[in-house]
Every structure is written in structure tokens, then in C-alpha cells.
Amino acid sequence: MALTVWGPDMVLRWFRTIQIGSVLLPIIGCLIWGAIAWRDQRAIATDHAVDTVELVRQYSQRLLETQTVKHRAAQARAATEPEGFLRSESYHRFLTRLDTADPNDYGLAVVALDGTVLASSQQFPASTRFGQRDYIDAIREGAAVFIDRIKLQPGDEDAIIVARPFVTDSFRGLIVSSMATESSRSFLDSITTREGESASLMRDDGKLLVRHEPGEPVWLPEDTPARQSLTRASSGTYEVVAISDGVRRIYAYNRIGDLPLVVNFGVPTEAILTATVLNSLPVWILMLAMGAFTLIASALARRSVEAQMEAELKALKLAEAQSLAQQRAELVREMNHRVKNNLALVTSLINIQARRGSFDPQDLQRRIQALAEVHDLLYRSNHGERIDLGTLLERACDPETLVPEDSRISLQTSLPEGMLIPADRASPLALAALELVTNAVKHAFAGRDQGIIRLVLAETGDGQACLTVADDGIGMAQASSRRSGTGLVDAFVRQIDGEMTRASDHGTTYTIRFTL
């Protein structure tokens, strides 16, 4: 029933649409799901970076606050003492006790602005004089705190130093403490548990002091996202390709209090992509499996529909062939019946001629030719069993055939085309017209050598029509049907259930009225 309502082409187009959709929709679905999964994984990675960088900030702040406590304690101890107390053994022992609290510390020293060491937790008496040092220059120029990574002398230890101003009533200089760089690096390494993650400690002027991997300090240009981000906020995130190793990461950063120090933690975008694929893979497989199932099912269904359509087409062709064969059989029977009737009509015409005792081969030939014209028009007709009556009369009543060559009789016709009647009614009308025209040619102009015969076909409305044969000859008394030709005409008219009238006024006029 569906095939009948929609039509086979529509059904096949729907199946083709389903097949295309079974391929495109899973792909589109996978892309959409992948985009959603990527967004979610990116958010998860960003949150992980933010949480981890906060942990690093807390750890680094604790280390630096420990150094701050030491600095404040050392300054408080010397604040009320006389000028020479800083060089005393008592103050040295105090600094030593402060310094030994943490095994990762490398020492604590009070230094004059000219580089002279007044007190040290590592040496007594302190007799060292430092040369140019960045942290001494920074404190001399007014920095509240200065943090750097240097190599200590003379042991060449890799250390992070913290320097602050040291001011008493009798002294103005700085206090500097150092701690092992490895302790910070080890902690950073311990929190980078996933491949490609990165953690670092950076000064706000762009000097990357410590990374989770061993390496020397690196300076970041001023136009890098890491430095640009600090100008906008003290914490946040950004994405960049790292200068240190060339890996693209999403970084979270956080400034350590009011110190000129920032902690960074980065998650590689490649890890986000891997996590996206791993989390999306089950859904992708399910979507593709559903698409494949739909594609196969629709292909099988389409094949089934095509087979059904082919079977229906074969059945339709068989039915058409049977119907055509039946129509041809009916046509043959009809043709045989018509031929039989026409042969009977020819026989009757011959018998009539024989009973009269005269036999005109030309008249008989013309009548048989009129019947042949019916069959020819029927053969060429595009209207089934209906024939154009005007065309038939034009061909049956051909003046060249009916009017002798030496005669000046004129046959004028008005036979419009398009008036269709059944073939079994066309034959009697053609024969009737032929008889009337032939009689007029033979008898209407006795004693005259010229005249006009008119043959007119017209519709009168309500499915009726009339055929008129008129001449301007000598006229003819209304005799019986046995007179020359008119008996046959009456018989032909009765055969089509028509009506014929005859009038004699300046010639003879025959009018045949019939139903189309």
C-alpha cells in the first residue's frame, strides 16, 4: 500500500536519504560529541591546573615565609644591641641556630651595602667581602625583597636566595638567606604526575627560576603570555607553546602574596586530546555501530523494495500484455464483423444492380472505395473507433473521381474537420453522400452541360448534425425509393437511425439529420 500511496521513486529516495543519513549523522554526531568532550576535558584540565598551582603557591609561600621569619628574628635580635653586636660570636650562634632548623638551608648572613659580610651562620668570624651581587644592588636601590637563583661560593651550591633590607639604629644593610634549589625542584617534580605536565617558579620580571625538570634559569621575553597575563591579574590561565621545551600547554598562574614571585602549572593540550578520545571512544563506537546497522538495514530494505517493485512491474507488464492481447482479439473480432458487414453490403449492392438488369462497374467501384476509405481512416485514427466524418466525406466524394473530365459540373464542399463519429455510422453516411452526389452528377443536369453541386456538413447542436447535398439542376419529382439511387440512400439513413428530407426548388436538396 505504501508503494501505491508514495510511488516507488519516492520510496527509493527515502531509502537513499536514510542511507546517506546513516553515514552523515553518526559522523556529525561524533564531531559534536567530540567537541563537547573536548570542551569538558579542557575545563577539567584547566581546573586541575588551577588547583595544582594553588598547591604549589602554598608550598612556595611556606618556604619563603620561613625565610621571612628568620630574617625578622635576626633583625629583632640585633635591634637593641650596640653597634659591634653584629660581629659578635653570640650573634653568630644565634644565626646558626636559626639556620640549622632546616637541613635544606645553606646559610644566613648579614651584609653591608658595600658587600662586607658582618655576620654569618656558616662562619665566625665573618671575614668575607662579596663582589657585585644583583641582590645587593636591588636592596641598595630600594627593593623590599629580592629573590634569585645563584651559585654559592665557594662550594658552587645551586641555591635560591631571599634578600631583605636589614636596618638597626647603628646599621643599614641587608640580610640574605639561601635554600637548596633541589628541594623546590623535587616538590615541583612530585606534583607533575602526568606526562607532559609542567610546574615552575618565576620572578615577575620574567626570570624562570625553577622548573620541575633540572635546568638553568630561563628569561622569558616581555611579550610572552606568561608576562602579559601578570599585567592583567595576579592569577589566571593562558595557553601557549612553552619556550623551555616547545610543548603547547594550558597554564594556570598565581602570584605568591605580595612577593615578586609567580608559580605556574601547565597541562599539555595533547593530553586533553588523548583524554577526549578515550572518553569519546565508547560513544563514537556506539554511534558508528548504529549508523552501520541503519545503513545495512536500509540497504536490505531497499533491496527488498526494489525486488518487490520489480515483481510488481513484471506483473503489471504481464497484465498489460494480457490486456493488449485481449484488446487485439476484440479488435480482430470487431474487424472481422465489420468486414463481414461491409462484404454483405457489397453483396447487396451487387444484387441490387443485378435485379435492375444493369451493372455499372464504376458505381460499384466507387462504393467499395468509400468503404475502403473508412477502413483506412480507422487504421490511421488516433481516436480509437471514431472517425473524422469531414475527412472521410472529402476523400469519398472526390470530384476528380465523380465528375467526368469533359463536364463543367462543379462540386463545392464545406466539410469541417473534427466531427468524430463511430466507424459503424461513418460507412452508411459516406455511402449515402456518395449515392446522392453520383445521382446528381448523372441526372440533375439533363440537357445541360454545367451546374453546381454542394456538399455541406454542419453541427446543429445538442449532439445533432446534418449532411446536405444540393444541386441547381432540373429538379426531381418525389418518387418512390426505387428510383435511381434514392432507395439505397434511404436504407443507409435508416441504418444510422437518421432522417432524410428532400426538397425541389431551383434544383434538388437532400438533408440527412443524424446523431453524432
Protein backbone atom coordinates (compact mmCIF):
# COMPACT_ATOMS: atom_id res chain seq x y z
CA MET A 1 0.00 0.00 0.00
CA ALA A 2 2.88 2.37 0.83
CA LEU A 3 4.29 1.96 -2.65
CA THR A 4 0.91 2.84 -4.14
CA VAL A 5 0.49 5.99 -1.99
CA TRP A 6 4.03 7.33 -2.25
CA GLY A 7 5.15 5.85 -5.51
CA PRO A 8 8.22 3.67 -5.98
CA ASP A 9 10.55 6.57 -6.79
CA MET A 10 9.59 8.36 -3.58
CA VAL A 11 10.17 5.20 -1.52
CA LEU A 12 13.61 4.67 -3.10
CA ARG A 13 14.50 8.32 -2.50
CA TRP A 14 13.55 7.90 1.16
CA PHE A 15 15.74 4.83 1.44
CA ARG A 16 18.59 6.69 -0.27
CA THR A 17 18.10 9.56 2.19
CA ILE A 18 18.16 7.13 5.11
CA GLN A 19 21.38 5.56 3.80
CA ILE A 20 23.04 8.95 3.40
CA GLY A 21 21.80 9.96 6.84
CA SER A 22 23.11 6.72 8.37
CA VAL A 23 26.58 7.78 7.20
CA LEU A 24 26.43 11.55 7.79
CA LEU A 25 24.53 11.64 11.08
CA PRO A 26 26.98 9.41 13.02
CA ILE A 27 29.88 11.44 11.65
CA ILE A 28 28.20 14.71 12.63
CA GLY A 29 27.23 13.18 15.98
CA CYS A 30 30.83 12.08 16.58
CA LEU A 31 32.09 15.55 15.74
CA ILE A 32 29.56 17.23 18.04
CA TRP A 33 30.23 14.76 20.83
CA GLY A 34 33.97 15.18 20.32
CA ALA A 35 33.61 18.97 20.55
CA ILE A 36 31.58 18.64 23.75
CA ALA A 37 34.06 16.13 25.18
CA TRP A 38 36.97 18.39 24.21
CA ARG A 39 35.33 21.33 25.95
CA ASP A 40 34.68 19.25 29.07
CA GLN A 41 38.18 17.80 29.12
CA ARG A 42 39.64 21.25 28.63
CA ALA A 43 37.60 22.52 31.55
CA ILE A 44 38.77 19.56 33.65
CA ALA A 45 42.39 20.20 32.68
CA THR A 46 42.06 23.90 33.45
CA ASP A 47 40.54 23.15 36.86
CA HIS A 48 43.34 20.66 37.52
CA ALA A 49 45.94 23.30 36.63
CA VAL A 50 44.26 25.91 38.84
CA ASP A 51 44.02 23.52 41.80
CA THR A 52 47.59 22.34 41.42
CA VAL A 53 49.05 25.82 41.03
CA GLU A 54 47.33 26.78 44.26
CA LEU A 55 49.07 23.86 45.96
CA VAL A 56 52.43 24.99 44.57
CA ARG A 57 51.74 28.56 45.70
CA GLN A 58 51.01 27.41 49.22
CA TYR A 59 54.16 25.30 49.35
CA SER A 60 56.39 28.06 47.95
CA GLN A 61 54.82 30.66 50.21
CA ARG A 62 55.52 28.48 53.23
CA LEU A 63 59.19 28.20 52.24
CA LEU A 64 59.52 31.92 51.73
CA GLU A 65 57.62 32.78 54.87
CA THR A 66 60.09 30.55 56.75
CA GLN A 67 62.91 32.70 55.41
CA THR A 68 60.96 35.84 56.32
CA VAL A 69 60.56 34.60 59.89
CA LYS A 70 64.30 34.01 60.09
CA HIS A 71 65.02 37.50 58.76
CA ARG A 72 62.68 39.16 61.20
CA ALA A 73 64.05 37.12 64.12
CA ALA A 74 67.64 38.04 63.22
CA GLN A 75 66.75 41.71 62.91
CA ALA A 76 64.78 41.72 66.14
CA ARG A 77 67.71 40.14 67.99
CA ALA A 78 70.09 42.86 66.82
CA ALA A 79 67.69 45.79 67.08
CA THR A 80 68.53 46.73 70.70
CA GLU A 81 72.15 45.70 70.72
CA PRO A 82 75.15 48.02 70.38
CA GLU A 83 76.95 48.58 67.07
CA GLY A 84 79.53 45.81 67.44
CA PHE A 85 76.98 43.11 68.32
CA LEU A 86 76.56 42.01 64.68
CA ARG A 87 80.16 40.82 64.59
CA SER A 88 79.92 39.02 67.97
CA GLU A 89 80.10 35.25 68.46
CA SER A 90 76.82 35.41 70.34
CA TYR A 91 75.04 36.73 67.28
CA HIS A 92 76.80 34.13 65.13
CA ARG A 93 75.50 31.33 67.34
CA PHE A 94 72.01 32.82 67.15
CA LEU A 95 72.12 32.80 63.38
CA THR A 96 73.42 29.22 63.38
CA ARG A 97 70.51 28.07 65.49
CA LEU A 98 68.07 29.74 63.11
CA ASP A 99 69.75 28.19 60.08
CA THR A 100 70.03 24.58 61.36
CA ALA A 101 66.26 24.29 61.73
CA ASP A 102 66.06 23.19 58.09
CA PRO A 103 68.69 20.88 56.53
CA ASN A 104 67.95 22.28 53.06
CA ASP A 105 69.12 25.78 54.05
CA TYR A 106 72.61 26.85 53.00
CA GLY A 107 73.10 29.71 55.42
CA LEU A 108 72.10 33.10 56.68
CA ALA A 109 74.21 36.27 56.51
CA VAL A 110 74.04 39.99 57.30
CA VAL A 111 75.80 42.01 54.62
CA ALA A 112 76.64 45.66 54.33
CA LEU A 113 75.66 47.57 51.22
CA ASP A 114 79.29 47.56 50.12
CA GLY A 115 79.36 43.73 50.16
CA THR A 116 81.09 43.25 53.53
CA VAL A 117 79.74 40.29 55.50
CA LEU A 118 79.22 41.27 59.15
CA ALA A 119 77.63 38.05 60.40
CA SER A 120 77.12 34.52 59.04
CA SER A 121 75.59 31.32 60.27
CA GLN A 122 78.29 29.34 58.46
CA GLN A 123 81.48 31.19 59.54
CA PHE A 124 82.91 33.02 62.54
CA PRO A 125 84.35 35.43 62.45
CA ALA A 126 82.95 36.58 59.15
CA SER A 127 85.71 37.98 57.03
CA THR A 128 84.20 37.68 53.53
CA ARG A 129 83.57 40.57 51.21
CA PHE A 130 81.24 39.94 48.28
CA GLY A 131 81.77 41.48 44.92
CA GLN A 132 78.95 42.71 42.71
CA ARG A 133 75.74 40.91 43.52
CA ASP A 134 72.31 41.53 41.96
CA TYR A 135 70.57 41.19 45.30
CA ILE A 136 72.89 43.77 46.94
CA ASP A 137 72.21 46.19 44.08
CA ALA A 138 68.45 45.60 44.34
CA ILE A 139 68.34 46.29 48.11
CA ARG A 140 70.60 49.31 47.65
CA GLU A 141 68.13 50.63 45.07
CA GLY A 142 65.24 50.28 47.49
CA ALA A 143 63.75 46.83 46.84
CA ALA A 144 61.71 45.49 49.76
CA VAL A 145 62.62 41.93 48.94
CA PHE A 146 64.73 40.28 46.23
CA ILE A 147 64.62 36.59 45.22
CA ASP A 148 67.08 34.96 42.85
CA ARG A 149 68.77 31.73 41.92
CA ILE A 150 72.59 31.73 42.11
CA LYS A 151 75.63 29.53 42.57
CA LEU A 152 77.02 29.94 46.07
CA GLN A 153 80.74 30.48 46.61
CA PRO A 154 83.00 28.73 47.26
CA GLY A 155 81.00 25.45 47.21
CA ASP A 156 79.12 26.15 43.95
CA GLU A 157 75.80 25.06 45.51
CA ASP A 158 72.68 25.74 43.42
CA ALA A 159 70.58 27.92 45.73
CA ILE A 160 67.58 30.18 45.84
CA ILE A 161 68.37 33.28 47.86
CA VAL A 162 66.00 35.68 49.59
CA ALA A 163 67.33 39.15 50.48
CA ARG A 164 65.66 41.91 52.53
CA PRO A 165 66.77 45.24 53.97
CA PHE A 166 68.39 44.96 57.43
CA VAL A 167 68.20 48.20 59.35
CA THR A 168 69.07 48.94 63.02
CA ASP A 169 69.87 52.09 64.85
CA SER A 170 73.55 51.63 64.08
CA PHE A 171 73.49 49.66 60.77
CA ARG A 172 71.95 49.78 57.34
CA GLY A 173 72.44 46.81 55.03
CA LEU A 174 70.66 43.60 54.11
CA ILE A 175 70.07 40.07 55.32
CA VAL A 176 70.21 37.20 52.85
CA SER A 177 69.33 33.55 53.28
CA SER A 178 69.67 30.66 50.86
CA MET A 179 67.99 27.33 50.40
CA ALA A 180 68.67 24.39 48.10
CA THR A 181 67.10 24.73 44.66
CA GLU A 182 66.71 20.96 44.52
CA SER A 183 64.16 20.96 47.36
CA SER A 184 61.82 23.18 45.35
CA ARG A 185 62.52 21.32 42.11
CA SER A 186 61.80 17.96 43.77
CA PHE A 187 58.47 19.22 45.01
CA LEU A 188 57.56 20.57 41.57
CA ASP A 189 58.55 17.25 40.05
CA SER A 190 56.41 15.34 42.55
CA ILE A 191 53.23 17.15 41.53
CA THR A 192 53.74 16.72 37.77
CA THR A 193 52.40 13.19 37.89
CA ARG A 194 51.11 13.09 34.33
CA GLU A 195 53.21 13.05 31.21
CA GLY A 196 53.81 16.46 29.73
CA GLU A 197 52.76 18.47 32.80
CA SER A 198 54.97 21.36 33.84
CA ALA A 199 55.49 23.32 37.07
CA SER A 200 57.73 26.31 37.61
CA LEU A 201 58.64 29.23 39.85
CA MET A 202 59.06 32.55 38.01
CA ARG A 203 60.08 36.02 39.05
CA ASP A 204 57.70 38.71 37.84
CA ASP A 205 60.45 40.26 35.69
CA GLY A 206 60.37 37.09 33.56
CA LYS A 207 63.22 35.05 35.04
CA LEU A 208 62.14 31.40 35.25
CA LEU A 209 63.99 30.36 38.42
CA VAL A 210 63.00 26.70 38.88
CA ARG A 211 61.22 24.10 36.74
CA HIS A 212 60.17 20.58 37.58
CA GLU A 213 62.98 19.35 35.37
CA PRO A 214 66.67 20.09 36.09
CA GLY A 215 67.96 23.06 34.12
CA GLU A 216 69.37 26.54 34.22
CA PRO A 217 67.19 29.62 34.72
CA VAL A 218 65.47 30.94 31.58
CA TRP A 219 64.47 34.50 30.77
CA LEU A 220 61.04 34.96 29.22
CA PRO A 221 60.57 37.91 26.83
CA GLU A 222 58.27 40.69 27.92
CA ASP A 223 55.71 39.93 25.16
CA THR A 224 55.14 36.31 26.22
CA PRO A 225 51.67 35.39 27.51
CA ALA A 226 53.19 34.46 30.88
CA ARG A 227 54.37 38.02 31.49
CA GLN A 228 51.49 39.72 29.73
CA SER A 229 48.99 37.87 31.90
CA LEU A 230 50.64 39.23 35.07
CA THR A 231 49.90 42.77 33.94
CA ARG A 232 46.18 42.00 33.92
CA ALA A 233 45.67 39.88 37.05
CA SER A 234 47.61 38.20 39.83
CA SER A 235 46.11 34.82 38.91
CA GLY A 236 44.52 33.23 35.87
CA THR A 237 45.13 30.95 32.91
CA TYR A 238 46.58 31.19 29.41
CA GLU A 239 47.58 28.85 26.58
CA VAL A 240 50.99 28.99 24.95
CA VAL A 241 53.82 26.96 23.50
CA ALA A 242 56.47 26.79 26.19
CA ILE A 243 59.85 28.37 25.35
CA SER A 244 61.64 25.84 27.57
CA ASP A 245 60.52 22.66 25.78
CA GLY A 246 58.25 23.69 22.85
CA VAL A 247 55.14 21.93 24.25
CA ARG A 248 51.74 23.62 23.99
CA ARG A 249 50.04 23.77 27.38
CA ILE A 250 47.23 25.42 29.27
CA TYR A 251 48.93 27.24 32.15
CA ALA A 252 47.48 28.40 35.43
CA TYR A 253 49.47 31.04 37.33
CA ASN A 254 49.23 32.59 40.81
CA ARG A 255 51.31 35.29 42.48
CA ILE A 256 52.72 34.44 45.93
CA GLY A 257 51.21 37.11 48.16
CA ASP A 258 52.92 40.47 47.68
CA LEU A 259 56.21 38.88 46.66
CA PRO A 260 57.67 39.38 43.16
CA LEU A 261 57.24 35.67 42.52
CA VAL A 262 54.72 33.68 40.46
CA VAL A 263 54.07 29.93 40.36
CA ASN A 264 52.96 28.25 37.10
CA PHE A 265 51.45 24.87 36.35
CA GLY A 266 50.77 23.65 32.83
CA VAL A 267 48.72 20.80 31.35
CA PRO A 268 49.63 19.72 27.77
CA THR A 269 46.86 20.11 25.21
CA GLU A 270 47.92 16.77 23.73
CA ALA A 271 46.86 15.13 26.99
CA ILE A 272 43.48 16.88 26.66
CA LEU A 273 43.13 15.45 23.16
CA THR A 274 44.06 11.96 24.40
CA ALA A 275 41.55 12.19 27.24
CA THR A 276 38.91 13.43 24.80
CA VAL A 277 39.48 10.46 22.50
CA LEU A 278 39.47 7.94 25.36
CA ASN A 279 36.28 9.35 26.86
CA SER A 280 34.53 9.75 23.50
CA LEU A 281 35.57 6.43 22.02
CA PRO A 282 32.69 4.33 23.51
CA VAL A 283 30.12 6.87 22.31
CA TRP A 284 31.77 7.09 18.89
CA ILE A 285 31.77 3.31 18.56
CA LEU A 286 28.08 3.20 19.54
CA MET A 287 27.15 5.94 17.06
CA LEU A 288 29.11 4.35 14.25
CA ALA A 289 27.64 0.93 15.06
CA MET A 290 24.11 2.38 14.96
CA GLY A 291 24.92 4.12 11.68
CA ALA A 292 26.36 0.91 10.21
CA PHE A 293 23.30 -1.07 11.37
CA THR A 294 20.95 1.52 9.87
CA LEU A 295 22.94 1.56 6.64
CA ILE A 296 22.87 -2.24 6.32
CA ALA A 297 19.21 -2.48 7.34
CA SER A 298 18.15 0.25 4.90
CA ALA A 299 20.21 -1.35 2.14
CA LEU A 300 18.49 -4.69 2.74
CA ALA A 301 15.10 -3.00 2.94
CA ARG A 302 15.78 -1.06 -0.25
CA ARG A 303 16.85 -4.24 -2.00
CA SER A 304 13.63 -5.88 -0.81
CA VAL A 305 11.56 -2.93 -2.06
CA GLU A 306 13.37 -2.98 -5.40
CA ALA A 307 12.67 -6.71 -5.69
CA GLN A 308 9.02 -6.05 -4.84
CA MET A 309 8.88 -3.24 -7.38
CA GLU A 310 10.47 -5.45 -10.00
CA ALA A 311 7.93 -8.18 -9.26
CA GLU A 312 5.08 -5.65 -9.44
CA LEU A 313 6.49 -4.27 -12.69
CA LYS A 314 6.66 -7.74 -14.18
CA ALA A 315 3.10 -8.41 -13.02
CA LEU A 316 1.99 -5.07 -14.47
CA LYS A 317 3.69 -5.80 -17.79
CA LEU A 318 2.09 -9.24 -17.83
CA ALA A 319 -1.32 -7.71 -17.10
CA GLU A 320 -0.74 -5.09 -19.81
CA ALA A 321 0.30 -7.79 -22.25
CA GLN A 322 -2.80 -9.83 -21.42
CA SER A 323 -4.98 -6.74 -21.72
CA LEU A 324 -3.34 -5.83 -25.02
CA ALA A 325 -3.83 -9.35 -26.30
CA GLN A 326 -7.48 -9.22 -25.26
CA GLN A 327 -7.90 -5.82 -26.93
CA ARG A 328 -6.30 -7.14 -30.10
CA ALA A 329 -8.58 -10.14 -30.01
CA GLU A 330 -11.58 -7.84 -29.59
CA LEU A 331 -10.25 -5.66 -32.39
CA VAL A 332 -9.84 -8.64 -34.68
CA ARG A 333 -13.37 -9.78 -33.87
CA GLU A 334 -14.67 -6.27 -34.45
CA MET A 335 -12.73 -6.00 -37.70
CA ASN A 336 -13.98 -9.35 -38.85
CA HIS A 337 -17.52 -8.30 -38.01
CA ARG A 338 -17.09 -5.01 -39.86
CA VAL A 339 -15.54 -6.73 -42.88
CA LYS A 340 -18.39 -9.22 -42.81
CA ASN A 341 -20.96 -6.40 -42.73
CA ASN A 342 -19.17 -4.50 -45.49
CA LEU A 343 -18.92 -7.62 -47.64
CA ALA A 344 -22.62 -8.18 -47.05
CA LEU A 345 -23.20 -4.58 -48.06
CA VAL A 346 -21.13 -5.05 -51.21
CA THR A 347 -23.12 -8.23 -51.97
CA SER A 348 -26.38 -6.30 -51.54
CA LEU A 349 -25.16 -3.58 -53.86
CA ILE A 350 -24.24 -6.16 -56.47
CA ASN A 351 -27.66 -7.87 -56.07
CA ILE A 352 -29.44 -4.53 -56.50
CA GLN A 353 -27.52 -3.85 -59.68
CA ALA A 354 -28.26 -7.36 -60.89
CA ARG A 355 -32.03 -7.08 -60.22
CA ARG A 356 -32.11 -3.84 -62.19
CA GLY A 357 -30.69 -5.65 -65.12
CA SER A 358 -27.85 -3.17 -65.36
CA PHE A 359 -24.39 -3.37 -63.92
CA ASP A 360 -22.22 -0.26 -63.60
CA PRO A 361 -18.70 -1.30 -62.56
CA GLN A 362 -17.67 2.29 -61.83
CA ASP A 363 -20.55 2.85 -59.38
CA LEU A 364 -19.73 -0.37 -57.62
CA GLN A 365 -16.06 0.52 -57.55
CA ARG A 366 -16.81 3.92 -56.01
CA ARG A 367 -18.95 2.37 -53.27
CA ILE A 368 -16.35 -0.19 -52.42
CA GLN A 369 -13.72 2.59 -52.44
CA ALA A 370 -15.83 4.55 -49.91
CA LEU A 371 -15.83 1.51 -47.62
CA ALA A 372 -12.05 1.23 -48.08
CA GLU A 373 -11.66 4.87 -47.06
CA VAL A 374 -13.48 4.08 -43.81
CA HIS A 375 -11.04 1.29 -43.05
CA ASP A 376 -8.06 3.44 -43.99
CA LEU A 377 -9.14 6.32 -41.75
CA LEU A 378 -9.91 3.90 -38.97
CA TYR A 379 -6.42 2.44 -39.31
CA ARG A 380 -4.82 5.90 -39.15
CA SER A 381 -7.10 7.30 -36.47
CA ASN A 382 -5.79 8.41 -33.08
CA HIS A 383 -9.30 8.35 -31.66
CA GLY A 384 -9.88 4.63 -31.35
CA GLU A 385 -13.07 3.53 -33.09
CA ARG A 386 -14.11 7.07 -34.06
CA ILE A 387 -13.51 8.67 -37.48
CA ASP A 388 -13.41 12.28 -38.62
CA LEU A 389 -16.55 12.45 -40.80
CA GLY A 390 -15.45 15.59 -42.68
CA THR A 391 -12.19 13.97 -43.78
CA LEU A 392 -13.98 10.79 -44.78
CA LEU A 393 -16.54 12.66 -46.97
CA GLU A 394 -13.73 14.74 -48.52
CA ARG A 395 -11.95 11.58 -49.62
CA ALA A 396 -15.05 9.52 -50.58
CA CYS A 397 -16.64 12.28 -52.67
CA ASP A 398 -13.59 13.27 -54.66
CA PRO A 399 -14.67 15.48 -57.60
CA GLU A 400 -11.97 14.11 -59.86
CA THR A 401 -13.46 10.66 -59.43
CA LEU A 402 -17.17 11.53 -59.56
CA VAL A 403 -17.30 14.28 -62.18
CA PRO A 404 -16.34 13.43 -65.79
CA GLU A 405 -13.36 15.29 -67.16
CA ASP A 406 -15.33 16.83 -70.06
CA SER A 407 -18.13 18.07 -67.78
CA ARG A 408 -18.42 21.59 -66.42
CA ILE A 409 -20.26 20.42 -63.33
CA SER A 410 -18.66 21.83 -60.13
CA LEU A 411 -18.69 20.05 -56.74
CA GLN A 412 -18.44 22.56 -53.89
CA THR A 413 -17.85 21.19 -50.36
CA SER A 414 -17.98 22.54 -46.81
CA LEU A 415 -16.73 19.70 -44.67
CA PRO A 416 -15.21 20.93 -41.38
CA GLU A 417 -12.79 18.64 -39.60
CA GLY A 418 -13.16 17.45 -36.04
CA MET A 419 -16.65 15.94 -36.22
CA LEU A 420 -15.99 12.42 -34.88
CA ILE A 421 -18.46 9.56 -35.20
CA PRO A 422 -18.18 5.79 -34.71
CA ALA A 423 -16.91 3.82 -37.71
CA ASP A 424 -20.12 1.75 -38.00
CA ARG A 425 -22.06 5.00 -38.54
CA ALA A 426 -19.49 6.62 -40.79
CA SER A 427 -19.76 3.94 -43.52
CA PRO A 428 -23.52 4.39 -44.22
CA LEU A 429 -23.19 8.20 -44.19
CA ALA A 430 -20.29 8.09 -46.66
CA LEU A 431 -22.22 5.73 -48.96
CA ALA A 432 -25.35 7.89 -48.70
CA ALA A 433 -23.43 11.05 -49.62
CA LEU A 434 -21.68 9.18 -52.45
CA GLU A 435 -25.03 7.96 -53.87
CA LEU A 436 -26.62 11.42 -53.70
CA VAL A 437 -23.64 13.15 -55.36
CA THR A 438 -23.41 10.42 -58.04
CA ASN A 439 -27.18 10.69 -58.81
CA ALA A 440 -26.89 14.49 -59.08
CA VAL A 441 -23.96 14.21 -61.50
CA LYS A 442 -25.89 11.71 -63.65
CA HIS A 443 -29.45 13.06 -63.59
CA ALA A 444 -29.67 16.62 -62.20
CA PHE A 445 -28.33 18.37 -65.28
CA ALA A 446 -30.07 16.55 -68.11
CA GLY A 447 -29.99 18.71 -71.22
CA ARG A 448 -27.38 20.98 -69.67
CA ASP A 449 -23.62 20.91 -69.78
CA GLN A 450 -22.92 22.73 -66.49
CA GLY A 451 -24.16 23.03 -62.91
CA ILE A 452 -23.21 23.20 -59.23
CA ILE A 453 -23.48 20.51 -56.59
CA ARG A 454 -23.00 21.49 -52.94
CA LEU A 455 -21.97 19.04 -50.17
CA VAL A 456 -22.29 20.62 -46.70
CA LEU A 457 -21.69 19.09 -43.24
CA ALA A 458 -22.68 21.03 -40.13
CA GLU A 459 -23.47 20.53 -36.46
CA THR A 460 -26.92 21.71 -35.37
CA GLY A 461 -26.42 21.49 -31.59
CA ASP A 462 -27.48 19.07 -28.85
CA GLY A 463 -25.27 16.35 -30.34
CA GLN A 464 -27.04 16.54 -33.71
CA ALA A 465 -25.65 17.17 -37.20
CA CYS A 466 -26.91 17.38 -40.74
CA LEU A 467 -25.49 16.46 -44.13
CA THR A 468 -26.83 18.38 -47.13
CA VAL A 469 -26.45 17.51 -50.83
CA ALA A 470 -27.96 20.18 -53.10
CA ASP A 471 -27.83 20.94 -56.82
CA ASP A 472 -29.18 23.68 -59.08
CA GLY A 473 -30.30 21.22 -61.72
CA ILE A 474 -33.67 20.47 -63.33
CA GLY A 475 -35.19 19.11 -60.14
CA MET A 476 -36.66 15.68 -59.38
CA ALA A 477 -40.18 14.71 -58.53
CA GLN A 478 -40.61 12.98 -55.18
CA ALA A 479 -40.66 9.44 -56.45
CA SER A 480 -40.53 6.19 -54.57
CA SER A 481 -37.30 4.81 -53.07
CA ARG A 482 -36.99 2.56 -56.06
CA ARG A 483 -35.92 5.43 -58.23
CA SER A 484 -32.25 5.63 -59.21
CA GLY A 485 -30.09 5.52 -56.05
CA THR A 486 -32.55 7.01 -53.53
CA GLY A 487 -33.68 3.66 -52.25
CA LEU A 488 -30.13 2.83 -51.25
CA VAL A 489 -29.80 6.22 -49.56
CA ASP A 490 -32.97 5.61 -47.52
CA ALA A 491 -31.57 2.27 -46.45
CA PHE A 492 -28.28 3.86 -45.40
CA VAL A 493 -30.10 6.58 -43.44
CA ARG A 494 -32.27 4.04 -41.62
CA GLN A 495 -29.11 2.12 -40.72
CA ILE A 496 -27.86 5.08 -38.64
CA ASP A 497 -31.33 5.90 -37.24
CA GLY A 498 -31.27 9.17 -39.17
CA GLU A 499 -33.88 11.14 -41.08
CA MET A 500 -33.72 12.36 -44.64
CA THR A 501 -35.83 15.08 -46.29
CA ARG A 502 -35.91 16.14 -49.95
CA ALA A 503 -36.86 19.49 -51.45
CA SER A 504 -37.15 20.64 -55.09
CA ASP A 505 -36.75 24.36 -55.52
CA HIS A 506 -34.43 25.55 -58.27
CA GLY A 507 -32.86 22.13 -58.10
CA THR A 508 -32.96 19.29 -55.60
CA THR A 509 -31.80 19.35 -51.96
CA TYR A 510 -31.34 16.28 -49.77
CA THR A 511 -30.86 16.83 -46.00
CA ILE A 512 -29.86 13.96 -43.72
CA ARG A 513 -30.16 14.61 -39.98
CA PHE A 514 -28.40 12.23 -37.59
CA THR A 515 -26.98 11.91 -34.10
CA LEU A 516 -23.25 12.19 -33.58
